[in-house]
C-alpha atoms as a PDB file:
ATOM      1  CA  UNK A   1     -25.053  -4.272  15.640  1.00  0.00           C
ATOM      2  CA  UNK A   2     -27.191  -5.021  12.562  1.00  0.00           C
ATOM      3  CA  UNK A   3     -26.021  -4.698   8.969  1.00  0.00           C
ATOM      4  CA  UNK A   4     -27.969  -4.682   5.759  1.00  0.00           C
ATOM      5  CA  UNK A   5     -28.718  -2.510   2.810  1.00  0.00           C
ATOM      6  CA  UNK A   6     -30.041   0.256   5.089  1.00  0.00           C
ATOM      7  CA  UNK A   7     -26.287   0.627   5.694  1.00  0.00           C
ATOM      8  CA  UNK A   8     -26.158   3.149   2.838  1.00  0.00           C
ATOM      9  CA  UNK A   9     -22.505   3.895   3.586  1.00  0.00           C
ATOM     10  CA  UNK A  10     -21.386   1.126   1.199  1.00  0.00           C
ATOM     11  CA  UNK A  11     -22.377   3.290  -1.781  1.00  0.00           C
ATOM     12  CA  UNK A  12     -22.577   6.766  -0.249  1.00  0.00           C
ATOM     13  CA  UNK A  13     -20.541   9.435  -2.070  1.00  0.00           C
ATOM     14  CA  UNK A  14     -20.179  11.311   1.199  1.00  0.00           C
ATOM     15  CA  UNK A  15     -18.728   8.295   2.992  1.00  0.00           C
ATOM     16  CA  UNK A  16     -16.473   7.584  -0.007  1.00  0.00           C
ATOM     17  CA  UNK A  17     -15.210  11.183   0.189  1.00  0.00           C
ATOM     18  CA  UNK A  18     -14.457  10.794   3.902  1.00  0.00           C
ATOM     19  CA  UNK A  19     -12.773   7.445   3.297  1.00  0.00           C
ATOM     20  CA  UNK A  20     -10.635   8.908   0.505  1.00  0.00           C
ATOM     21  CA  UNK A  21      -9.584  11.692   2.871  1.00  0.00           C
ATOM     22  CA  UNK A  22      -8.488   9.154   5.475  1.00  0.00           C
ATOM     23  CA  UNK A  23      -6.857   7.021   2.768  1.00  0.00           C
ATOM     24  CA  UNK A  24      -4.755   9.842   1.334  1.00  0.00           C
ATOM     25  CA  UNK A  25      -4.155  11.733   4.563  1.00  0.00           C
ATOM     26  CA  UNK A  26      -3.419   8.846   6.928  1.00  0.00           C
ATOM     27  CA  UNK A  27      -3.400   5.386   5.357  1.00  0.00           C
ATOM     28  CA  UNK A  28      -1.135   6.069   2.363  1.00  0.00           C
ATOM     29  CA  UNK A  29       1.566   7.908   4.360  1.00  0.00           C
ATOM     30  CA  UNK A  30       1.498   5.157   7.005  1.00  0.00           C
ATOM     31  CA  UNK A  31       1.821   2.362   4.425  1.00  0.00           C
ATOM     32  CA  UNK A  32       4.496   4.239   2.449  1.00  0.00           C
ATOM     33  CA  UNK A  33       6.543   4.703   5.612  1.00  0.00           C
ATOM     34  CA  UNK A  34       6.459   0.946   6.281  1.00  0.00           C
ATOM     35  CA  UNK A  35       6.872  -0.628   2.807  1.00  0.00           C
ATOM     36  CA  UNK A  36       7.752   0.223  -0.800  1.00  0.00           C
ATOM     37  CA  UNK A  37       4.648  -0.417  -2.911  1.00  0.00           C
ATOM     38  CA  UNK A  38       4.944  -1.452  -6.576  1.00  0.00           C
ATOM     39  CA  UNK A  39       1.879  -1.748  -8.838  1.00  0.00           C
ATOM     40  CA  UNK A  40       1.619  -4.080 -11.844  1.00  0.00           C
ATOM     41  CA  UNK A  41      -1.110  -4.904 -14.359  1.00  0.00           C
ATOM     42  CA  UNK A  42      -3.260  -1.799 -13.901  1.00  0.00           C
ATOM     43  CA  UNK A  43      -3.922  -1.909 -17.658  1.00  0.00           C
ATOM     44  CA  UNK A  44      -6.111  -4.957 -16.966  1.00  0.00           C
ATOM     45  CA  UNK A  45      -8.506  -2.657 -15.115  1.00  0.00           C
ATOM     46  CA  UNK A  46      -9.216  -0.466 -18.153  1.00  0.00           C
ATOM     47  CA  UNK A  47     -12.903  -0.753 -18.919  1.00  0.00           C
ATOM     48  CA  UNK A  48     -13.673  -2.713 -15.740  1.00  0.00           C
ATOM     49  CA  UNK A  49     -16.816  -1.431 -14.038  1.00  0.00           C
ATOM     50  CA  UNK A  50     -18.520  -2.273 -10.747  1.00  0.00           C
ATOM     51  CA  UNK A  51     -19.648  -4.717  -9.611  1.00  0.00           C
ATOM     52  CA  UNK A  52     -16.765  -7.190  -9.630  1.00  0.00           C
ATOM     53  CA  UNK A  53     -15.394  -9.566  -7.024  1.00  0.00           C
ATOM     54  CA  UNK A  54     -11.736  -9.003  -6.162  1.00  0.00           C
ATOM     55  CA  UNK A  55      -9.886 -12.131  -4.995  1.00  0.00           C
ATOM     56  CA  UNK A  56      -6.382 -11.866  -3.540  1.00  0.00           C
ATOM     57  CA  UNK A  57      -4.048 -14.127  -1.624  1.00  0.00           C
ATOM     58  CA  UNK A  58      -4.151 -13.186   2.058  1.00  0.00           C
ATOM     59  CA  UNK A  59      -0.791 -13.012   3.766  1.00  0.00           C
ATOM     60  CA  UNK A  60      -0.704  -9.958   6.007  1.00  0.00           C
ATOM     61  CA  UNK A  61      -2.246  -6.844   7.527  1.00  0.00           C
ATOM     62  CA  UNK A  62      -1.346  -4.760   4.477  1.00  0.00           C
ATOM     63  CA  UNK A  63      -3.464  -6.713   1.973  1.00  0.00           C
ATOM     64  CA  UNK A  64      -6.808  -4.877   2.088  1.00  0.00           C
ATOM     65  CA  UNK A  65      -5.268  -1.381   2.407  1.00  0.00           C
ATOM     66  CA  UNK A  66      -2.977  -2.155  -0.559  1.00  0.00           C
ATOM     67  CA  UNK A  67      -5.947  -2.966  -2.791  1.00  0.00           C
ATOM     68  CA  UNK A  68      -7.701   0.208  -1.661  1.00  0.00           C
ATOM     69  CA  UNK A  69      -4.567   2.271  -2.340  1.00  0.00           C
ATOM     70  CA  UNK A  70      -3.597   0.817  -5.718  1.00  0.00           C
ATOM     71  CA  UNK A  71      -6.921   0.331  -7.529  1.00  0.00           C
ATOM     72  CA  UNK A  72      -8.420   3.301  -9.425  1.00  0.00           C
ATOM     73  CA  UNK A  73     -10.707   5.443  -7.289  1.00  0.00           C
ATOM     74  CA  UNK A  74     -13.631   4.865  -9.669  1.00  0.00           C
ATOM     75  CA  UNK A  75     -13.545   1.233  -8.494  1.00  0.00           C
ATOM     76  CA  UNK A  76     -12.620   1.652  -4.813  1.00  0.00           C
ATOM     77  CA  UNK A  77     -15.420   4.190  -4.282  1.00  0.00           C
ATOM     78  CA  UNK A  78     -17.810   1.269  -4.687  1.00  0.00           C
ATOM     79  CA  UNK A  79     -15.704  -1.501  -3.167  1.00  0.00           C
ATOM     80  CA  UNK A  80     -16.632  -3.201   0.114  1.00  0.00           C
ATOM     81  CA  UNK A  81     -14.174  -5.484   1.896  1.00  0.00           C
ATOM     82  CA  UNK A  82     -15.358  -8.710   3.485  1.00  0.00           C
ATOM     83  CA  UNK A  83     -13.989  -8.831   7.050  1.00  0.00           C
ATOM     84  CA  UNK A  84     -14.356 -11.587   9.643  1.00  0.00           C
ATOM     85  CA  UNK A  85     -17.387 -10.769  11.774  1.00  0.00           C
ATOM     86  CA  UNK A  86     -15.989 -12.592  14.810  1.00  0.00           C
ATOM     87  CA  UNK A  87     -12.812 -10.467  14.821  1.00  0.00           C
ATOM     88  CA  UNK A  88     -13.370  -7.090  13.136  1.00  0.00           C
ATOM     89  CA  UNK A  89     -16.986  -6.604  14.214  1.00  0.00           C
ATOM     90  CA  UNK A  90     -16.860  -7.913  17.772  1.00  0.00           C
ATOM     91  CA  UNK A  91     -16.567  -4.381  19.215  1.00  0.00           C
ATOM     92  CA  UNK A  92     -18.047  -1.107  17.950  1.00  0.00           C
ATOM     93  CA  UNK A  93     -14.732   0.768  17.823  1.00  0.00           C
ATOM     94  CA  UNK A  94     -12.995  -1.982  15.824  1.00  0.00           C
ATOM     95  CA  UNK A  95     -15.964  -2.104  13.443  1.00  0.00           C
ATOM     96  CA  UNK A  96     -15.971   1.666  12.874  1.00  0.00           C
ATOM     97  CA  UNK A  97     -12.220   1.772  12.233  1.00  0.00           C
ATOM     98  CA  UNK A  98     -12.376  -1.136   9.748  1.00  0.00           C
ATOM     99  CA  UNK A  99     -15.406   0.342   8.014  1.00  0.00           C
ATOM    100  CA  UNK A 100     -13.723   3.711   7.585  1.00  0.00           C
ATOM    101  CA  UNK A 101     -10.409   2.351   6.298  1.00  0.00           C
ATOM    102  CA  UNK A 102     -11.569  -0.352   3.851  1.00  0.00           C
ATOM    103  CA  UNK A 103     -15.382   0.015   3.712  1.00  0.00           C
ATOM    104  CA  UNK A 104     -15.641  -3.325   5.492  1.00  0.00           C
ATOM    105  CA  UNK A 105     -18.738  -5.455   5.848  1.00  0.00           C
ATOM    106  CA  UNK A 106     -19.069  -8.519   8.103  1.00  0.00           C
ATOM    107  CA  UNK A 107     -18.718 -12.046   6.760  1.00  0.00           C
ATOM    108  CA  UNK A 108     -19.150 -15.238   8.743  1.00  0.00           C
ATOM    109  CA  UNK A 109     -16.365 -17.761   9.184  1.00  0.00           C
ATOM    110  CA  UNK A 110     -17.768 -19.541  12.245  1.00  0.00           C
ATOM    111  CA  UNK A 111     -20.953 -21.011  10.782  1.00  0.00           C
ATOM    112  CA  UNK A 112     -23.196 -18.206  12.032  1.00  0.00           C
ATOM    113  CA  UNK A 113     -26.065 -17.102   9.775  1.00  0.00           C
ATOM    114  CA  UNK A 114     -26.203 -13.506  11.069  1.00  0.00           C
ATOM    115  CA  UNK A 115     -24.949 -11.885   7.862  1.00  0.00           C
ATOM    116  CA  UNK A 116     -25.970 -14.497   5.343  1.00  0.00           C
ATOM    117  CA  UNK A 117     -26.920 -13.010   1.974  1.00  0.00           C
ATOM    118  CA  UNK A 118     -25.277  -9.623   2.550  1.00  0.00           C
ATOM    119  CA  UNK A 119     -22.569 -10.210  -0.085  1.00  0.00           C
ATOM    120  CA  UNK A 120     -25.174 -11.003  -2.735  1.00  0.00           C
ATOM    121  CA  UNK A 121     -27.286  -7.995  -1.771  1.00  0.00           C
ATOM    122  CA  UNK A 122     -24.300  -5.691  -2.123  1.00  0.00           C
ATOM    123  CA  UNK A 123     -23.508  -7.079  -5.591  1.00  0.00           C
ATOM    124  CA  UNK A 124     -27.136  -6.530  -6.612  1.00  0.00           C
ATOM    125  CA  UNK A 125     -26.756  -2.890  -5.559  1.00  0.00           C
ATOM    126  CA  UNK A 126     -23.704  -2.473  -7.790  1.00  0.00           C
ATOM    127  CA  UNK A 127     -21.112  -2.697  -5.007  1.00  0.00           C
ATOM    128  CA  UNK A 128     -17.898  -4.611  -5.749  1.00  0.00           C
ATOM    129  CA  UNK A 129     -16.494  -6.972  -3.124  1.00  0.00           C
ATOM    130  CA  UNK A 130     -12.955  -7.645  -1.948  1.00  0.00           C
ATOM    131  CA  UNK A 131     -12.973 -11.203  -0.599  1.00  0.00           C
ATOM    132  CA  UNK A 132      -9.986 -13.145   0.723  1.00  0.00           C
ATOM    133  CA  UNK A 133     -11.073 -16.624  -0.281  1.00  0.00           C
ATOM    134  CA  UNK A 134      -8.545 -18.332   2.008  1.00  0.00           C
ATOM    135  CA  UNK A 135     -10.577 -17.000   4.947  1.00  0.00           C
ATOM    136  CA  UNK A 136      -7.544 -16.112   7.064  1.00  0.00           C
ATOM    137  CA  UNK A 137      -3.970 -14.881   6.681  1.00  0.00           C
ATOM    138  CA  UNK A 138      -1.380 -17.423   5.594  1.00  0.00           C
ATOM    139  CA  UNK A 139       0.982 -18.434   8.402  1.00  0.00           C
ATOM    140  CA  UNK A 140       3.702 -19.462   5.935  1.00  0.00           C
ATOM    141  CA  UNK A 141       3.305 -17.097   2.980  1.00  0.00           C
ATOM    142  CA  UNK A 142       2.042 -20.002   0.860  1.00  0.00           C
ATOM    143  CA  UNK A 143      -1.552 -19.865  -0.340  1.00  0.00           C
ATOM    144  CA  UNK A 144      -4.105 -22.084   1.316  1.00  0.00           C
ATOM    145  CA  UNK A 145      -7.247 -23.625  -0.147  1.00  0.00           C
ATOM    146  CA  UNK A 146      -9.904 -21.239  -1.460  1.00  0.00           C
ATOM    147  CA  UNK A 147     -13.424 -21.265  -0.096  1.00  0.00           C
ATOM    148  CA  UNK A 148     -15.601 -21.478  -3.232  1.00  0.00           C
ATOM    149  CA  UNK A 149     -18.088 -18.937  -1.850  1.00  0.00           C
ATOM    150  CA  UNK A 150     -16.816 -15.995  -3.901  1.00  0.00           C
ATOM    151  CA  UNK A 151     -16.803 -18.117  -7.067  1.00  0.00           C
ATOM    152  CA  UNK A 152     -20.398 -19.162  -6.332  1.00  0.00           C
ATOM    153  CA  UNK A 153     -21.340 -15.493  -5.901  1.00  0.00           C
ATOM    154  CA  UNK A 154     -19.681 -14.619  -9.209  1.00  0.00           C
ATOM    155  CA  UNK A 155     -21.595 -17.372 -11.002  1.00  0.00           C
ATOM    156  CA  UNK A 156     -24.978 -16.671  -9.418  1.00  0.00           C
ATOM    157  CA  UNK A 157     -24.754 -12.885  -9.908  1.00  0.00           C
ATOM    158  CA  UNK A 158     -22.999 -13.035 -13.290  1.00  0.00           C
ATOM    159  CA  UNK A 159     -20.054 -10.849 -12.286  1.00  0.00           C
ATOM    160  CA  UNK A 160     -16.338 -11.345 -13.029  1.00  0.00           C
ATOM    161  CA  UNK A 161     -13.614 -12.122 -10.514  1.00  0.00           C
ATOM    162  CA  UNK A 162     -10.541  -9.896 -10.583  1.00  0.00           C
ATOM    163  CA  UNK A 163      -7.439 -11.876  -9.502  1.00  0.00           C
ATOM    164  CA  UNK A 164      -4.804 -10.008  -7.475  1.00  0.00           C
ATOM    165  CA  UNK A 165      -1.473 -11.297  -6.157  1.00  0.00           C
ATOM    166  CA  UNK A 166       0.365  -9.843  -3.174  1.00  0.00           C
ATOM    167  CA  UNK A 167       4.094 -10.509  -3.517  1.00  0.00           C
ATOM    168  CA  UNK A 168       6.303  -9.825  -0.501  1.00  0.00           C
ATOM    169  CA  UNK A 169       3.432  -8.842   1.787  1.00  0.00           C
ATOM    170  CA  UNK A 170       3.936 -11.848   4.057  1.00  0.00           C
ATOM    171  CA  UNK A 171       7.627 -11.053   4.606  1.00  0.00           C
ATOM    172  CA  UNK A 172       6.749  -7.392   5.172  1.00  0.00           C
ATOM    173  CA  UNK A 173       4.526  -8.293   8.133  1.00  0.00           C
ATOM    174  CA  UNK A 174       4.308 -11.985   9.075  1.00  0.00           C
ATOM    175  CA  UNK A 175       1.195 -12.805  11.139  1.00  0.00           C
ATOM    176  CA  UNK A 176       3.252 -13.844  14.179  1.00  0.00           C
ATOM    177  CA  UNK A 177       5.180 -10.561  14.221  1.00  0.00           C
ATOM    178  CA  UNK A 178       3.911  -7.773  16.467  1.00  0.00           C
ATOM    179  CA  UNK A 179       4.747  -5.151  13.846  1.00  0.00           C
ATOM    180  CA  UNK A 180       6.002  -4.864  10.282  1.00  0.00           C
ATOM    181  CA  UNK A 181       9.539  -5.694   9.207  1.00  0.00           C
ATOM    182  CA  UNK A 182      11.843  -2.652   9.381  1.00  0.00           C
ATOM    183  CA  UNK A 183      13.669  -1.259   6.339  1.00  0.00           C
ATOM    184  CA  UNK A 184      10.677  -0.648   4.043  1.00  0.00           C
ATOM    185  CA  UNK A 185      10.660  -4.022   2.245  1.00  0.00           C
ATOM    186  CA  UNK A 186       9.309  -4.222  -1.315  1.00  0.00           C
ATOM    187  CA  UNK A 187       5.720  -5.348  -1.810  1.00  0.00           C
ATOM    188  CA  UNK A 188       4.265  -5.891  -5.283  1.00  0.00           C
ATOM    189  CA  UNK A 189       0.531  -5.723  -6.027  1.00  0.00           C
ATOM    190  CA  UNK A 190      -0.182  -7.573  -9.279  1.00  0.00           C
ATOM    191  CA  UNK A 191      -3.528  -7.305 -11.108  1.00  0.00           C
ATOM    192  CA  UNK A 192      -4.677  -9.878 -13.636  1.00  0.00           C
ATOM    193  CA  UNK A 193      -7.444  -9.737 -16.232  1.00  0.00           C
ATOM    194  CA  UNK A 194     -11.036 -10.221 -15.011  1.00  0.00           C
ATOM    195  CA  UNK A 195     -12.148 -13.854 -15.111  1.00  0.00           C
ATOM    196  CA  UNK A 196     -15.617 -15.311 -15.692  1.00  0.00           C
ATOM    197  CA  UNK A 197     -16.860 -18.812 -15.122  1.00  0.00           C
ATOM    198  CA  UNK A 198     -16.921 -21.012 -18.205  1.00  0.00           C
ATOM    199  CA  UNK A 199     -20.197 -22.513 -19.383  1.00  0.00           C
ATOM    200  CA  UNK A 200     -21.085 -25.368 -17.043  1.00  0.00           C
ATOM    201  CA  UNK A 201     -18.187 -24.637 -14.681  1.00  0.00           C
ATOM    202  CA  UNK A 202     -19.157 -25.164 -11.041  1.00  0.00           C
ATOM    203  CA  UNK A 203     -17.991 -22.987  -8.142  1.00  0.00           C
ATOM    204  CA  UNK A 204     -15.233 -25.340  -6.928  1.00  0.00           C
ATOM    205  CA  UNK A 205     -13.724 -25.539 -10.425  1.00  0.00           C
ATOM    206  CA  UNK A 206     -13.901 -21.793 -11.040  1.00  0.00           C
ATOM    207  CA  UNK A 207     -12.462 -21.082  -7.582  1.00  0.00           C
ATOM    208  CA  UNK A 208      -9.499 -23.378  -8.218  1.00  0.00           C
ATOM    209  CA  UNK A 209      -8.893 -21.762 -11.620  1.00  0.00           C
ATOM    210  CA  UNK A 210      -8.816 -18.318  -9.973  1.00  0.00           C
ATOM    211  CA  UNK A 211      -6.458 -19.651  -7.293  1.00  0.00           C
ATOM    212  CA  UNK A 212      -4.075 -21.041  -9.918  1.00  0.00           C
ATOM    213  CA  UNK A 213      -4.142 -17.707 -11.757  1.00  0.00           C
ATOM    214  CA  UNK A 214      -3.194 -15.818  -8.589  1.00  0.00           C
ATOM    215  CA  UNK A 215      -0.299 -18.249  -8.025  1.00  0.00           C
ATOM    216  CA  UNK A 216       0.805 -17.632 -11.626  1.00  0.00           C
ATOM    217  CA  UNK A 217       0.656 -13.831 -11.138  1.00  0.00           C
ATOM    218  CA  UNK A 218       2.519 -14.158  -7.853  1.00  0.00           C
ATOM    219  CA  UNK A 219       5.266 -16.427  -9.114  1.00  0.00           C
ATOM    220  CA  UNK A 220       5.979 -14.612 -12.388  1.00  0.00           C
ATOM    221  CA  UNK A 221       6.489 -11.375 -10.439  1.00  0.00           C
ATOM    222  CA  UNK A 222       8.442 -13.101  -7.661  1.00  0.00           C
ATOM    223  CA  UNK A 223      10.868 -14.587 -10.164  1.00  0.00           C
ATOM    224  CA  UNK A 224      11.310 -11.264 -11.934  1.00  0.00           C
ATOM    225  CA  UNK A 225      12.289  -9.564  -8.670  1.00  0.00           C
ATOM    226  CA  UNK A 226      14.232 -12.452  -7.112  1.00  0.00           C
ATOM    227  CA  UNK A 227      11.657 -13.108  -4.401  1.00  0.00           C
ATOM    228  CA  UNK A 228      10.380 -16.512  -3.171  1.00  0.00           C
ATOM    229  CA  UNK A 229       7.707 -18.265  -5.221  1.00  0.00           C
ATOM    230  CA  UNK A 230       4.708 -19.949  -3.609  1.00  0.00           C
ATOM    231  CA  UNK A 231       6.354 -23.375  -3.821  1.00  0.00           C
ATOM    232  CA  UNK A 232       9.590 -22.060  -2.328  1.00  0.00           C
ATOM    233  CA  UNK A 233       7.793 -20.433   0.602  1.00  0.00           C
ATOM    234  CA  UNK A 234       5.888 -23.613   1.352  1.00  0.00           C
ATOM    235  CA  UNK A 235       9.096 -25.653   1.073  1.00  0.00           C
ATOM    236  CA  UNK A 236      10.908 -23.354   3.530  1.00  0.00           C
ATOM    237  CA  UNK A 237       7.942 -23.506   5.897  1.00  0.00           C
ATOM    238  CA  UNK A 238       8.049 -27.313   5.785  1.00  0.00           C
ATOM    239  CA  UNK A 239      11.776 -27.298   6.609  1.00  0.00           C
ATOM    240  CA  UNK A 240      11.216 -24.919   9.540  1.00  0.00           C
ATOM    241  CA  UNK A 241       8.365 -27.082  10.801  1.00  0.00           C
ATOM    242  CA  UNK A 242      10.558 -30.185  10.623  1.00  0.00           C
ATOM    243  CA  UNK A 243      13.340 -28.408  12.527  1.00  0.00           C
ATOM    244  CA  UNK A 244      10.939 -27.533  15.329  1.00  0.00           C
ATOM    245  CA  UNK A 245      10.149 -31.231  15.727  1.00  0.00           C
ATOM    246  CA  UNK A 246      13.790 -32.162  16.313  1.00  0.00           C
ATOM    247  CA  UNK A 247      14.733 -33.135  19.891  1.00  0.00           C
ATOM    248  CA  UNK A 248      16.483 -30.306  21.724  1.00  0.00           C
ATOM    249  CA  UNK A 249      15.402 -27.668  19.199  1.00  0.00           C
ATOM    250  CA  UNK A 250      13.777 -25.507  21.886  1.00  0.00           C
ATOM    251  CA  UNK A 251      16.934 -25.711  23.998  1.00  0.00           C
ATOM    252  CA  UNK A 252      19.121 -24.617  21.068  1.00  0.00           C
ATOM    253  CA  UNK A 253      16.941 -21.567  20.394  1.00  0.00           C
ATOM    254  CA  UNK A 254      17.643 -20.303  23.883  1.00  0.00           C
END
């Protein structure tokens, strides 16, 4: 399956209309039945126009749909989500489903060059990108290192990065769980102000500054709603990991 700018669906009004129908008719009711969604910081999106790069922490299956459901439609109509080519685009039916739900486009995480340059081409065409800079979902809820690729794109194409924090999304559906946590747990989607690279700032520096901002957005909201901060989640994960190393731990679990 080949992808490129002949894939007009990324900016097609017709496809956006179909996607909005699926979003409101299927995706939103499904998400609302599983979790309680709370939106914060939408005022930071006033005056924001495409293209931008949206960076969020990546902790669960709800992350991309939550951005699509909480951002203003004027922005999501021209928002493409970077999805792992080796997982979401390995079969035609998985690709079609992901494309329809979050306007996904394939990104490489295995070193392949098949889709190299597609992100930049989409930005040049005025399409915003949702990129999870960690590259994969967190296994602990704590944020991992950011790949500086999205920061490099922002610098080279002179577009801002919009930081977004998902608070409670990991607990709502941990990666090792077959399905979401029952009881409609609270999940907060927190938007920050758009960020641009400073003069002379290189991609690694800008990427780390965006990462720190997302941690700040996450933790300020977590504290306000008595939820674990990033440091607390990583500390708990370290304790659990240490417990699993204890002799006889497996026996005690059974």
